[in-house]
C-alpha atoms as a PDB file:
ATOM      1  CA  MET A   1      12.309   5.754  28.051  1.00  0.00           C
ATOM      2  CA  ALA A   2       9.975   7.930  25.936  1.00  0.00           C
ATOM      3  CA  LEU A   3      11.788   9.462  22.977  1.00  0.00           C
ATOM      4  CA  ARG A   4      11.464  13.044  21.771  1.00  0.00           C
ATOM      5  CA  ILE A   5      10.881  12.757  18.007  1.00  0.00           C
ATOM      6  CA  CYS A   6      11.058  14.977  14.943  1.00  0.00           C
ATOM      7  CA  PHE A   7       8.887  13.672  12.085  1.00  0.00           C
ATOM      8  CA  MET A   8       9.914  14.445   8.496  1.00  0.00           C
ATOM      9  CA  GLY A   9       7.529  13.546   5.656  1.00  0.00           C
ATOM     10  CA  THR A  10       5.299  14.923   2.920  1.00  0.00           C
ATOM     11  CA  PRO A  11       2.573  12.811   1.180  1.00  0.00           C
ATOM     12  CA  GLU A  12      -0.331  10.743   2.493  1.00  0.00           C
ATOM     13  CA  PHE A  13       2.005   7.734   2.744  1.00  0.00           C
ATOM     14  CA  ALA A  14       3.877   9.655   5.458  1.00  0.00           C
ATOM     15  CA  ALA A  15       0.805  11.206   7.094  1.00  0.00           C
ATOM     16  CA  ILE A  16      -0.521   7.758   8.012  1.00  0.00           C
ATOM     17  CA  SER A  17       2.727   7.039   9.888  1.00  0.00           C
ATOM     18  CA  LEU A  18       2.557  10.392  11.675  1.00  0.00           C
ATOM     19  CA  GLY A  19      -1.006   9.694  12.779  1.00  0.00           C
ATOM     20  CA  ALA A  20      -0.037   6.232  14.045  1.00  0.00           C
ATOM     21  CA  LEU A  21       2.858   7.621  16.088  1.00  0.00           C
ATOM     22  CA  VAL A  22       0.643  10.244  17.716  1.00  0.00           C
ATOM     23  CA  ALA A  23      -2.116   7.686  18.368  1.00  0.00           C
ATOM     24  CA  ASN A  24       0.423   5.507  20.178  1.00  0.00           C
ATOM     25  CA  GLY A  25       1.449   8.328  22.485  1.00  0.00           C
ATOM     26  CA  HIS A  26       4.839   9.217  21.002  1.00  0.00           C
ATOM     27  CA  ASP A  27       6.148  12.735  21.658  1.00  0.00           C
ATOM     28  CA  ILE A  28       6.396  14.592  18.327  1.00  0.00           C
ATOM     29  CA  ALA A  29       8.361  17.796  19.000  1.00  0.00           C
ATOM     30  CA  CYS A  30       8.163  19.101  15.441  1.00  0.00           C
ATOM     31  CA  VAL A  31       7.174  18.119  11.914  1.00  0.00           C
ATOM     32  CA  TYR A  32       9.227  18.963   8.821  1.00  0.00           C
ATOM     33  CA  THR A  33       7.505  18.811   5.437  1.00  0.00           C
ATOM     34  CA  ARG A  34       7.713  20.362   1.977  1.00  0.00           C
ATOM     35  CA  ALA A  35       6.449  23.911   1.580  1.00  0.00           C
ATOM     36  CA  PRO A  36       2.893  24.502   0.280  1.00  0.00           C
ATOM     37  CA  LYS A  37       2.687  24.823  -3.500  1.00  0.00           C
ATOM     38  CA  PRO A  38       0.054  25.415  -6.209  1.00  0.00           C
ATOM     39  CA  ALA A  39      -1.897  22.291  -7.159  1.00  0.00           C
ATOM     40  CA  GLY A  40      -4.878  21.321  -9.301  1.00  0.00           C
ATOM     41  CA  ARG A  41      -6.448  23.126 -12.223  1.00  0.00           C
ATOM     42  CA  GLY A  42      -7.018  26.266 -10.169  1.00  0.00           C
ATOM     43  CA  LYS A  43      -3.400  26.295  -8.975  1.00  0.00           C
ATOM     44  CA  THR A  44      -4.583  26.869  -5.406  1.00  0.00           C
ATOM     45  CA  VAL A  45      -1.722  26.801  -2.913  1.00  0.00           C
ATOM     46  CA  GLN A  46      -2.066  23.548  -0.995  1.00  0.00           C
ATOM     47  CA  LYS A  47      -0.353  22.256   2.111  1.00  0.00           C
ATOM     48  CA  THR A  48       1.025  18.710   2.090  1.00  0.00           C
ATOM     49  CA  ALA A  49      -0.916  15.847   3.688  1.00  0.00           C
ATOM     50  CA  VAL A  50       1.621  15.768   6.535  1.00  0.00           C
ATOM     51  CA  HIS A  51       1.358  19.541   7.035  1.00  0.00           C
ATOM     52  CA  GLN A  52      -2.425  19.357   7.281  1.00  0.00           C
ATOM     53  CA  MET A  53      -2.357  16.479   9.754  1.00  0.00           C
ATOM     54  CA  ALA A  54       0.308  18.085  11.938  1.00  0.00           C
ATOM     55  CA  GLU A  55      -1.662  21.331  12.149  1.00  0.00           C
ATOM     56  CA  SER A  56      -4.830  19.443  13.057  1.00  0.00           C
ATOM     57  CA  LEU A  57      -2.885  17.789  15.887  1.00  0.00           C
ATOM     58  CA  GLY A  58      -1.403  21.061  17.109  1.00  0.00           C
ATOM     59  CA  ILE A  59       2.189  20.090  16.243  1.00  0.00           C
ATOM     60  CA  LEU A  60       4.800  22.683  15.253  1.00  0.00           C
ATOM     61  CA  VAL A  61       5.423  22.594  11.470  1.00  0.00           C
ATOM     62  CA  ARG A  62       8.528  23.731   9.583  1.00  0.00           C
ATOM     63  CA  THR A  63       8.887  23.898   5.790  1.00  0.00           C
ATOM     64  CA  PRO A  64      12.520  24.766   4.955  1.00  0.00           C
ATOM     65  CA  LYS A  65      13.524  24.739   1.307  1.00  0.00           C
ATOM     66  CA  THR A  66      16.852  23.130   2.207  1.00  0.00           C
ATOM     67  CA  LEU A  67      18.585  21.577   5.203  1.00  0.00           C
ATOM     68  CA  ARG A  68      22.063  22.365   3.916  1.00  0.00           C
ATOM     69  CA  ASP A  69      22.465  25.873   5.344  1.00  0.00           C
ATOM     70  CA  GLU A  70      23.756  26.624   8.836  1.00  0.00           C
ATOM     71  CA  GLN A  71      20.551  28.293  10.054  1.00  0.00           C
ATOM     72  CA  ALA A  72      18.379  25.299   9.142  1.00  0.00           C
ATOM     73  CA  GLN A  73      20.836  22.947  10.846  1.00  0.00           C
ATOM     74  CA  SER A  74      20.976  25.155  13.947  1.00  0.00           C
ATOM     75  CA  ASP A  75      17.167  25.276  14.121  1.00  0.00           C
ATOM     76  CA  PHE A  76      17.035  21.492  13.888  1.00  0.00           C
ATOM     77  CA  SER A  77      19.686  21.078  16.595  1.00  0.00           C
ATOM     78  CA  ASP A  78      17.752  23.393  18.928  1.00  0.00           C
ATOM     79  CA  LEU A  79      14.860  20.929  18.953  1.00  0.00           C
ATOM     80  CA  ASN A  80      17.058  18.567  21.009  1.00  0.00           C
ATOM     81  CA  VAL A  81      15.322  15.437  19.698  1.00  0.00           C
ATOM     82  CA  ASP A  82      16.315  11.849  20.419  1.00  0.00           C
ATOM     83  CA  LEU A  83      15.229  10.563  17.020  1.00  0.00           C
ATOM     84  CA  ALA A  84      14.173  11.756  13.576  1.00  0.00           C
ATOM     85  CA  VAL A  85      11.593   9.678  11.696  1.00  0.00           C
ATOM     86  CA  VAL A  86      11.777  10.149   7.922  1.00  0.00           C
ATOM     87  CA  VAL A  87       8.972   8.941   5.621  1.00  0.00           C
ATOM     88  CA  ALA A  88       8.917  10.130   1.986  1.00  0.00           C
ATOM     89  CA  TYR A  89      10.169  13.577   2.966  1.00  0.00           C
ATOM     90  CA  GLY A  90      11.668  14.687  -0.339  1.00  0.00           C
ATOM     91  CA  LEU A  91      14.678  16.680   0.892  1.00  0.00           C
ATOM     92  CA  ILE A  92      18.218  15.358   1.270  1.00  0.00           C
ATOM     93  CA  LEU A  93      19.385  15.126   4.879  1.00  0.00           C
ATOM     94  CA  PRO A  94      23.049  16.218   5.095  1.00  0.00           C
ATOM     95  CA  ARG A  95      25.356  14.587   7.614  1.00  0.00           C
ATOM     96  CA  ALA A  96      24.935  17.524  10.027  1.00  0.00           C
ATOM     97  CA  ILE A  97      21.234  16.623  10.293  1.00  0.00           C
ATOM     98  CA  LEU A  98      21.745  12.845  10.327  1.00  0.00           C
ATOM     99  CA  ASP A  99      24.217  13.086  13.203  1.00  0.00           C
ATOM    100  CA  THR A 100      22.169  15.440  15.410  1.00  0.00           C
ATOM    101  CA  PRO A 101      19.507  13.166  17.006  1.00  0.00           C
ATOM    102  CA  LYS A 102      20.890  10.986  19.798  1.00  0.00           C
ATOM    103  CA  LYS A 103      19.553   7.803  18.195  1.00  0.00           C
ATOM    104  CA  GLY A 104      19.984   9.011  14.626  1.00  0.00           C
ATOM    105  CA  CYS A 105      17.323   8.949  11.901  1.00  0.00           C
ATOM    106  CA  PHE A 106      14.917   6.104  11.086  1.00  0.00           C
ATOM    107  CA  ASN A 107      13.644   5.863   7.504  1.00  0.00           C
ATOM    108  CA  LEU A 108      10.645   3.907   6.226  1.00  0.00           C
ATOM    109  CA  HIS A 109      11.465   2.355   2.848  1.00  0.00           C
ATOM    110  CA  GLY A 110       9.227   0.415   0.470  1.00  0.00           C
ATOM    111  CA  SER A 111      11.443  -2.382  -0.816  1.00  0.00           C
ATOM    112  CA  GLN A 112      13.470  -5.419   0.193  1.00  0.00           C
ATOM    113  CA  LEU A 113      16.830  -3.675   0.525  1.00  0.00           C
ATOM    114  CA  PRO A 114      19.346  -3.661  -1.059  1.00  0.00           C
ATOM    115  CA  ARG A 115      16.948  -4.242  -3.973  1.00  0.00           C
ATOM    116  CA  TRP A 116      15.381  -1.032  -5.234  1.00  0.00           C
ATOM    117  CA  ARG A 117      17.239   1.654  -3.374  1.00  0.00           C
ATOM    118  CA  GLY A 118      16.076   5.080  -4.464  1.00  0.00           C
ATOM    119  CA  ALA A 119      13.042   7.106  -5.432  1.00  0.00           C
ATOM    120  CA  ALA A 120      10.454   4.709  -6.915  1.00  0.00           C
ATOM    121  CA  PRO A 121      10.793   1.280  -5.248  1.00  0.00           C
ATOM    122  CA  ILE A 122       7.084   0.370  -5.339  1.00  0.00           C
ATOM    123  CA  GLN A 123       6.718   1.055  -9.050  1.00  0.00           C
ATOM    124  CA  ARG A 124      10.014  -0.548 -10.055  1.00  0.00           C
ATOM    125  CA  ALA A 125       9.311  -3.774  -8.155  1.00  0.00           C
ATOM    126  CA  ILE A 126       6.066  -4.304 -10.088  1.00  0.00           C
ATOM    127  CA  MET A 127       7.583  -3.183 -13.398  1.00  0.00           C
ATOM    128  CA  ALA A 128      10.356  -5.769 -12.973  1.00  0.00           C
ATOM    129  CA  GLY A 129       7.887  -8.582 -12.223  1.00  0.00           C
ATOM    130  CA  ASP A 130       9.177  -9.142  -8.677  1.00  0.00           C
ATOM    131  CA  PRO A 131       7.052 -11.747  -6.845  1.00  0.00           C
ATOM    132  CA  GLN A 132       7.485 -10.006  -3.499  1.00  0.00           C
ATOM    133  CA  THR A 133       8.711  -6.848  -1.843  1.00  0.00           C
ATOM    134  CA  ALA A 134       8.976  -5.509   1.701  1.00  0.00           C
ATOM    135  CA  VAL A 135       8.461  -2.557   3.988  1.00  0.00           C
ATOM    136  CA  GLN A 136      11.545  -1.833   6.083  1.00  0.00           C
ATOM    137  CA  VAL A 137      12.642   0.547   8.793  1.00  0.00           C
ATOM    138  CA  MET A 138      16.321   1.364   8.416  1.00  0.00           C
ATOM    139  CA  GLN A 139      18.904   3.474  10.195  1.00  0.00           C
ATOM    140  CA  MET A 140      19.811   6.280   7.817  1.00  0.00           C
ATOM    141  CA  HIS A 141      23.407   6.674   6.630  1.00  0.00           C
ATOM    142  CA  ALA A 142      24.854   9.298   4.300  1.00  0.00           C
ATOM    143  CA  GLY A 143      24.568   6.963   1.264  1.00  0.00           C
ATOM    144  CA  LEU A 144      21.386   6.373  -0.754  1.00  0.00           C
ATOM    145  CA  ASP A 145      19.315   3.867   1.287  1.00  0.00           C
ATOM    146  CA  THR A 146      22.472   2.137   2.504  1.00  0.00           C
ATOM    147  CA  GLY A 147      21.704   1.976   6.228  1.00  0.00           C
ATOM    148  CA  ASP A 148      21.246  -1.038   8.484  1.00  0.00           C
ATOM    149  CA  VAL A 149      17.785  -2.634   8.475  1.00  0.00           C
ATOM    150  CA  LEU A 150      16.045  -2.449  11.861  1.00  0.00           C
ATOM    151  CA  LEU A 151      12.661  -4.075  11.156  1.00  0.00           C
ATOM    152  CA  SER A 152      11.188  -5.647   8.026  1.00  0.00           C
ATOM    153  CA  GLU A 153       7.916  -7.132   6.801  1.00  0.00           C
ATOM    154  CA  THR A 154       7.658  -9.000   3.502  1.00  0.00           C
ATOM    155  CA  LEU A 155       4.674  -8.646   1.152  1.00  0.00           C
ATOM    156  CA  ALA A 156       3.675 -10.775  -1.829  1.00  0.00           C
ATOM    157  CA  ILE A 157       2.981  -8.827  -5.031  1.00  0.00           C
ATOM    158  CA  ALA A 158      -0.307 -10.140  -6.427  1.00  0.00           C
ATOM    159  CA  SER A 159      -0.906 -10.611 -10.155  1.00  0.00           C
ATOM    160  CA  ASP A 160      -3.464  -7.780 -10.090  1.00  0.00           C
ATOM    161  CA  ASP A 161      -1.510  -5.397  -7.846  1.00  0.00           C
ATOM    162  CA  THR A 162      -0.940  -1.911  -9.197  1.00  0.00           C
ATOM    163  CA  ALA A 163       1.459   0.662  -7.798  1.00  0.00           C
ATOM    164  CA  GLY A 164      -1.616   2.244  -6.209  1.00  0.00           C
ATOM    165  CA  SER A 165      -2.904  -0.878  -4.445  1.00  0.00           C
ATOM    166  CA  LEU A 166       0.557  -1.924  -3.282  1.00  0.00           C
ATOM    167  CA  HIS A 167       1.265   1.623  -2.066  1.00  0.00           C
ATOM    168  CA  ASP A 168      -1.890   1.567   0.067  1.00  0.00           C
ATOM    169  CA  ARG A 169      -1.033  -1.785   1.666  1.00  0.00           C
ATOM    170  CA  MET A 170       2.532  -0.713   2.360  1.00  0.00           C
ATOM    171  CA  MET A 171       1.330   2.605   3.802  1.00  0.00           C
ATOM    172  CA  GLN A 172      -0.660   0.842   6.523  1.00  0.00           C
ATOM    173  CA  ILE A 173       1.937  -1.861   7.219  1.00  0.00           C
ATOM    174  CA  GLY A 174       4.713   0.726   7.277  1.00  0.00           C
ATOM    175  CA  ALA A 175       2.942   2.884   9.854  1.00  0.00           C
ATOM    176  CA  ASP A 176       2.595  -0.097  12.177  1.00  0.00           C
ATOM    177  CA  LEU A 177       6.190  -1.135  11.536  1.00  0.00           C
ATOM    178  CA  MET A 178       7.513   2.315  12.462  1.00  0.00           C
ATOM    179  CA  VAL A 179       5.445   2.348  15.671  1.00  0.00           C
ATOM    180  CA  ARG A 180       6.970  -1.006  16.614  1.00  0.00           C
ATOM    181  CA  ALA A 181      10.476   0.138  15.701  1.00  0.00           C
ATOM    182  CA  ILE A 182      10.272   3.206  17.923  1.00  0.00           C
ATOM    183  CA  ALA A 183       8.796   1.201  20.807  1.00  0.00           C
ATOM    184  CA  ALA A 184      11.756  -1.182  20.488  1.00  0.00           C
ATOM    185  CA  ALA A 185      14.195   1.757  20.289  1.00  0.00           C
ATOM    186  CA  GLU A 186      12.805   3.086  23.559  1.00  0.00           C
ATOM    187  CA  ARG A 187      13.732  -0.254  25.140  1.00  0.00           C
ATOM    188  CA  ASP A 188      17.099  -0.404  23.317  1.00  0.00           C
ATOM    189  CA  ALA A 189      15.815  -3.655  21.827  1.00  0.00           C
ATOM    190  CA  LEU A 190      16.633  -3.141  18.122  1.00  0.00           C
ATOM    191  CA  THR A 191      19.232  -5.309  16.377  1.00  0.00           C
ATOM    192  CA  PRO A 192      20.578  -3.554  13.243  1.00  0.00           C
ATOM    193  CA  THR A 193      21.226  -5.863  10.272  1.00  0.00           C
ATOM    194  CA  PRO A 194      23.720  -4.605   7.667  1.00  0.00           C
ATOM    195  CA  GLN A 195      22.476  -4.775   4.081  1.00  0.00           C
ATOM    196  CA  SER A 196      23.953  -7.370   1.760  1.00  0.00           C
ATOM    197  CA  THR A 197      26.447  -6.155  -0.809  1.00  0.00           C
ATOM    198  CA  ASP A 198      24.842  -8.530  -3.362  1.00  0.00           C
ATOM    199  CA  GLY A 199      21.699  -7.807  -5.363  1.00  0.00           C
ATOM    200  CA  ILE A 200      21.883  -4.011  -5.217  1.00  0.00           C
ATOM    201  CA  THR A 201      19.494  -2.331  -7.675  1.00  0.00           C
ATOM    202  CA  TYR A 202      18.321   1.262  -8.008  1.00  0.00           C
ATOM    203  CA  ALA A 203      14.746   2.481  -8.387  1.00  0.00           C
ATOM    204  CA  ASN A 204      15.207   5.515 -10.594  1.00  0.00           C
ATOM    205  CA  LYS A 205      12.535   8.203 -10.514  1.00  0.00           C
ATOM    206  CA  ILE A 206       9.767   7.493 -13.021  1.00  0.00           C
ATOM    207  CA  ASP A 207      10.245   9.423 -16.252  1.00  0.00           C
ATOM    208  CA  LYS A 208       6.960  10.238 -17.980  1.00  0.00           C
ATOM    209  CA  GLY A 209       8.637   9.439 -21.281  1.00  0.00           C
ATOM    210  CA  GLU A 210       8.875   5.745 -20.381  1.00  0.00           C
ATOM    211  CA  ALA A 211       5.105   5.451 -19.839  1.00  0.00           C
ATOM    212  CA  LYS A 212       4.169   5.063 -23.530  1.00  0.00           C
ATOM    213  CA  ILE A 213       3.098   1.520 -24.355  1.00  0.00           C
ATOM    214  CA  ASN A 214       5.164  -0.346 -26.931  1.00  0.00           C
ATOM    215  CA  TRP A 215       2.880  -3.072 -28.287  1.00  0.00           C
ATOM    216  CA  GLN A 216       5.914  -4.886 -29.751  1.00  0.00           C
ATOM    217  CA  GLN A 217       6.889  -6.007 -26.238  1.00  0.00           C
ATOM    218  CA  PRO A 218       5.630  -9.321 -24.779  1.00  0.00           C
ATOM    219  CA  ALA A 219       2.242  -9.235 -23.037  1.00  0.00           C
ATOM    220  CA  GLN A 220       3.668 -10.249 -19.671  1.00  0.00           C
ATOM    221  CA  GLN A 221       6.229  -7.467 -19.716  1.00  0.00           C
ATOM    222  CA  LEU A 222       3.568  -4.955 -20.724  1.00  0.00           C
ATOM    223  CA  ASP A 223       1.316  -6.148 -17.909  1.00  0.00           C
ATOM    224  CA  TRP A 224       4.091  -5.468 -15.357  1.00  0.00           C
ATOM    225  CA  HIS A 225       4.811  -2.101 -16.949  1.00  0.00           C
ATOM    226  CA  ILE A 226       1.170  -0.987 -16.963  1.00  0.00           C
ATOM    227  CA  ARG A 227       0.435  -2.089 -13.397  1.00  0.00           C
ATOM    228  CA  GLY A 228       3.663  -0.530 -12.124  1.00  0.00           C
ATOM    229  CA  LEU A 229       2.642   2.861 -13.527  1.00  0.00           C
ATOM    230  CA  SER A 230      -1.018   2.708 -12.489  1.00  0.00           C
ATOM    231  CA  PRO A 231      -2.660   4.995 -11.558  1.00  0.00           C
ATOM    232  CA  PHE A 232       0.118   7.584 -11.974  1.00  0.00           C
ATOM    233  CA  PRO A 233       1.548   8.619 -14.330  1.00  0.00           C
ATOM    234  CA  GLY A 234      -0.295   5.862 -16.209  1.00  0.00           C
ATOM    235  CA  SER A 235       0.882   3.863 -19.228  1.00  0.00           C
ATOM    236  CA  TRP A 236      -0.687   5.201 -22.394  1.00  0.00           C
ATOM    237  CA  PHE A 237      -1.176   4.770 -26.132  1.00  0.00           C
ATOM    238  CA  HIS A 238      -2.654   6.908 -28.914  1.00  0.00           C
ATOM    239  CA  LEU A 239      -6.011   6.013 -30.440  1.00  0.00           C
ATOM    240  CA  PRO A 240      -6.372   7.393 -33.979  1.00  0.00           C
ATOM    241  CA  THR A 241      -9.609   9.425 -34.316  1.00  0.00           C
ATOM    242  CA  ALA A 242     -11.102  11.806 -36.878  1.00  0.00           C
ATOM    243  CA  LYS A 243     -10.062  14.708 -34.641  1.00  0.00           C
ATOM    244  CA  GLY A 244      -6.509  13.430 -34.264  1.00  0.00           C
ATOM    245  CA  PRO A 245      -4.751  11.069 -31.835  1.00  0.00           C
ATOM    246  CA  LEU A 246      -6.565  10.563 -28.502  1.00  0.00           C
ATOM    247  CA  ARG A 247      -4.280   9.838 -25.574  1.00  0.00           C
ATOM    248  CA  VAL A 248      -5.569   6.901 -23.529  1.00  0.00           C
ATOM    249  CA  LYS A 249      -4.264   5.473 -20.229  1.00  0.00           C
ATOM    250  CA  VAL A 250      -4.398   1.758 -19.465  1.00  0.00           C
ATOM    251  CA  LEU A 251      -4.915   1.270 -15.724  1.00  0.00           C
ATOM    252  CA  LEU A 252      -5.329  -2.507 -15.443  1.00  0.00           C
ATOM    253  CA  CYS A 253      -4.952  -5.448 -17.798  1.00  0.00           C
ATOM    254  CA  GLU A 254      -4.215  -9.167 -17.931  1.00  0.00           C
ATOM    255  CA  PRO A 255      -2.089 -11.265 -20.315  1.00  0.00           C
ATOM    256  CA  THR A 256      -3.863 -13.838 -22.486  1.00  0.00           C
ATOM    257  CA  THR A 257      -2.747 -16.580 -24.854  1.00  0.00           C
ATOM    258  CA  ASP A 258      -4.466 -14.953 -27.862  1.00  0.00           C
ATOM    259  CA  THR A 259      -2.287 -14.018 -30.807  1.00  0.00           C
ATOM    260  CA  GLY A 260      -2.396 -11.169 -33.279  1.00  0.00           C
ATOM    261  CA  ALA A 261      -0.370  -8.362 -34.774  1.00  0.00           C
ATOM    262  CA  PRO A 262       1.040  -5.976 -32.133  1.00  0.00           C
ATOM    263  CA  GLY A 263      -1.360  -3.136 -31.311  1.00  0.00           C
ATOM    264  CA  THR A 264      -4.323  -4.770 -33.092  1.00  0.00           C
ATOM    265  CA  ILE A 265      -7.751  -5.101 -31.412  1.00  0.00           C
ATOM    266  CA  LEU A 266      -8.589  -8.834 -31.437  1.00  0.00           C
ATOM    267  CA  ASP A 267     -12.051  -9.050 -29.822  1.00  0.00           C
ATOM    268  CA  ASP A 268     -14.925  -7.074 -28.287  1.00  0.00           C
ATOM    269  CA  GLN A 269     -13.349  -7.335 -24.789  1.00  0.00           C
ATOM    270  CA  MET A 270     -10.517  -5.123 -26.043  1.00  0.00           C
ATOM    271  CA  THR A 271      -7.829  -7.780 -26.204  1.00  0.00           C
ATOM    272  CA  ILE A 272      -4.773  -6.319 -27.950  1.00  0.00           C
ATOM    273  CA  GLY A 273      -2.082  -8.201 -29.815  1.00  0.00           C
ATOM    274  CA  THR A 274       1.504  -7.786 -28.564  1.00  0.00           C
ATOM    275  CA  GLY A 275       4.972  -9.008 -29.483  1.00  0.00           C
ATOM    276  CA  LEU A 276       4.217 -12.267 -27.646  1.00  0.00           C
ATOM    277  CA  GLY A 277       0.685 -13.206 -26.620  1.00  0.00           C
ATOM    278  CA  ALA A 278      -1.985 -10.589 -26.068  1.00  0.00           C
ATOM    279  CA  LEU A 279      -3.244  -8.213 -23.403  1.00  0.00           C
ATOM    280  CA  ARG A 280      -6.879  -7.815 -22.319  1.00  0.00           C
ATOM    281  CA  ILE A 281      -7.658  -4.274 -21.176  1.00  0.00           C
ATOM    282  CA  LEU A 282      -9.658  -4.333 -17.927  1.00  0.00           C
ATOM    283  CA  ARG A 283      -9.580  -0.628 -16.913  1.00  0.00           C
ATOM    284  CA  ILE A 284      -8.914   2.269 -19.236  1.00  0.00           C
ATOM    285  CA  GLN A 285      -9.232   6.067 -19.183  1.00  0.00           C
ATOM    286  CA  ALA A 286      -9.255   8.463 -22.107  1.00  0.00           C
ATOM    287  CA  ALA A 287      -7.865  11.970 -21.634  1.00  0.00           C
ATOM    288  CA  GLY A 288     -10.548  14.059 -19.911  1.00  0.00           C
ATOM    289  CA  GLY A 289     -12.729  11.013 -19.273  1.00  0.00           C
ATOM    290  CA  LYS A 290     -13.501   8.647 -16.413  1.00  0.00           C
ATOM    291  CA  PRO A 291     -12.071   5.145 -15.908  1.00  0.00           C
ATOM    292  CA  GLN A 292     -14.139   2.389 -17.535  1.00  0.00           C
ATOM    293  CA  THR A 293     -13.846  -1.201 -18.699  1.00  0.00           C
ATOM    294  CA  GLY A 294     -12.142  -1.985 -21.968  1.00  0.00           C
ATOM    295  CA  ALA A 295     -15.368  -3.411 -23.392  1.00  0.00           C
ATOM    296  CA  ASP A 296     -17.321  -0.235 -22.497  1.00  0.00           C
ATOM    297  CA  PHE A 297     -14.569   1.919 -23.986  1.00  0.00           C
ATOM    298  CA  MET A 298     -14.732  -0.043 -27.253  1.00  0.00           C
ATOM    299  CA  ARG A 299     -18.483   0.452 -27.501  1.00  0.00           C
ATOM    300  CA  GLY A 300     -18.286   4.141 -26.605  1.00  0.00           C
ATOM    301  CA  GLN A 301     -15.548   4.816 -29.161  1.00  0.00           C
ATOM    302  CA  ARG A 302     -17.132   2.457 -31.733  1.00  0.00           C
ATOM    303  CA  LEU A 303     -13.868   0.625 -32.207  1.00  0.00           C
ATOM    304  CA  ALA A 304     -13.715  -2.149 -34.771  1.00  0.00           C
ATOM    305  CA  LEU A 305     -11.924  -5.488 -34.641  1.00  0.00           C
ATOM    306  CA  GLY A 306      -8.643  -5.223 -36.474  1.00  0.00           C
ATOM    307  CA  GLN A 307      -8.165  -1.541 -35.625  1.00  0.00           C
ATOM    308  CA  VAL A 308      -4.562  -0.687 -34.751  1.00  0.00           C
ATOM    309  CA  LEU A 309      -3.531   1.334 -31.699  1.00  0.00           C
ATOM    310  CA  LEU A 310      -0.451   3.546 -31.814  1.00  0.00           C
END
């Protein structure tokens, strides 16, 4: 039985899933996404990636500011959908919305639940040094990512994975997983698996204040931290210059067995001493500049061995 679906999502991560559902012939009755807002240096009002894709496909788009009021809930009910598919939407779905579709709401989540429930599961998994993660389709409940798991695919986290590279892999795998989940739902062939009550952790939203690099920490921990925040918001340090501190993002690095005082430049490949071991900077970006290698950055800034980073 073909299902009538409402899709709810906002960024590119969600747009890929929307495109996959349409390409596989699923009936998308309506798309909900966040309202357009100013973006970029020119503050031009910009529609979300999901909004743009839905319009290009001729799908009805709604951008309510909240789903808590009676009118929004009535409008949603009038769609008479069998299923809501939620991928990085950004608005809380109250129980009145969750209970409306005949088969409920399916959510695509980027972790191995119950580990990393919440807003930033991709970043937190890397920042914690997890060796693997997962993409999962779950049945939404009223609690925060507490629903039964319907389908799951495990991914290894590579030693050079950043939040950006892992996001892109999960985006493609997740789109395929959601297509398969809905196909199974049409056949009533899904077997919900309740989440374990052990190992629950929460992926709090990334605070920009936690992005500053503390060179006193061990190199391995810093490597996880830097890769988990790359490319956005980006881990950073201050480079002392004649014009004042220059803010610099580290985008990719690798731990080494070198030793030296924390924050000190140890060689011409921009290896930096830490609280335990050292960290070689592979990709770096100064404020207002383009990404480059650590060695090129050293030459361009005329940095000397023994110089200390803040």
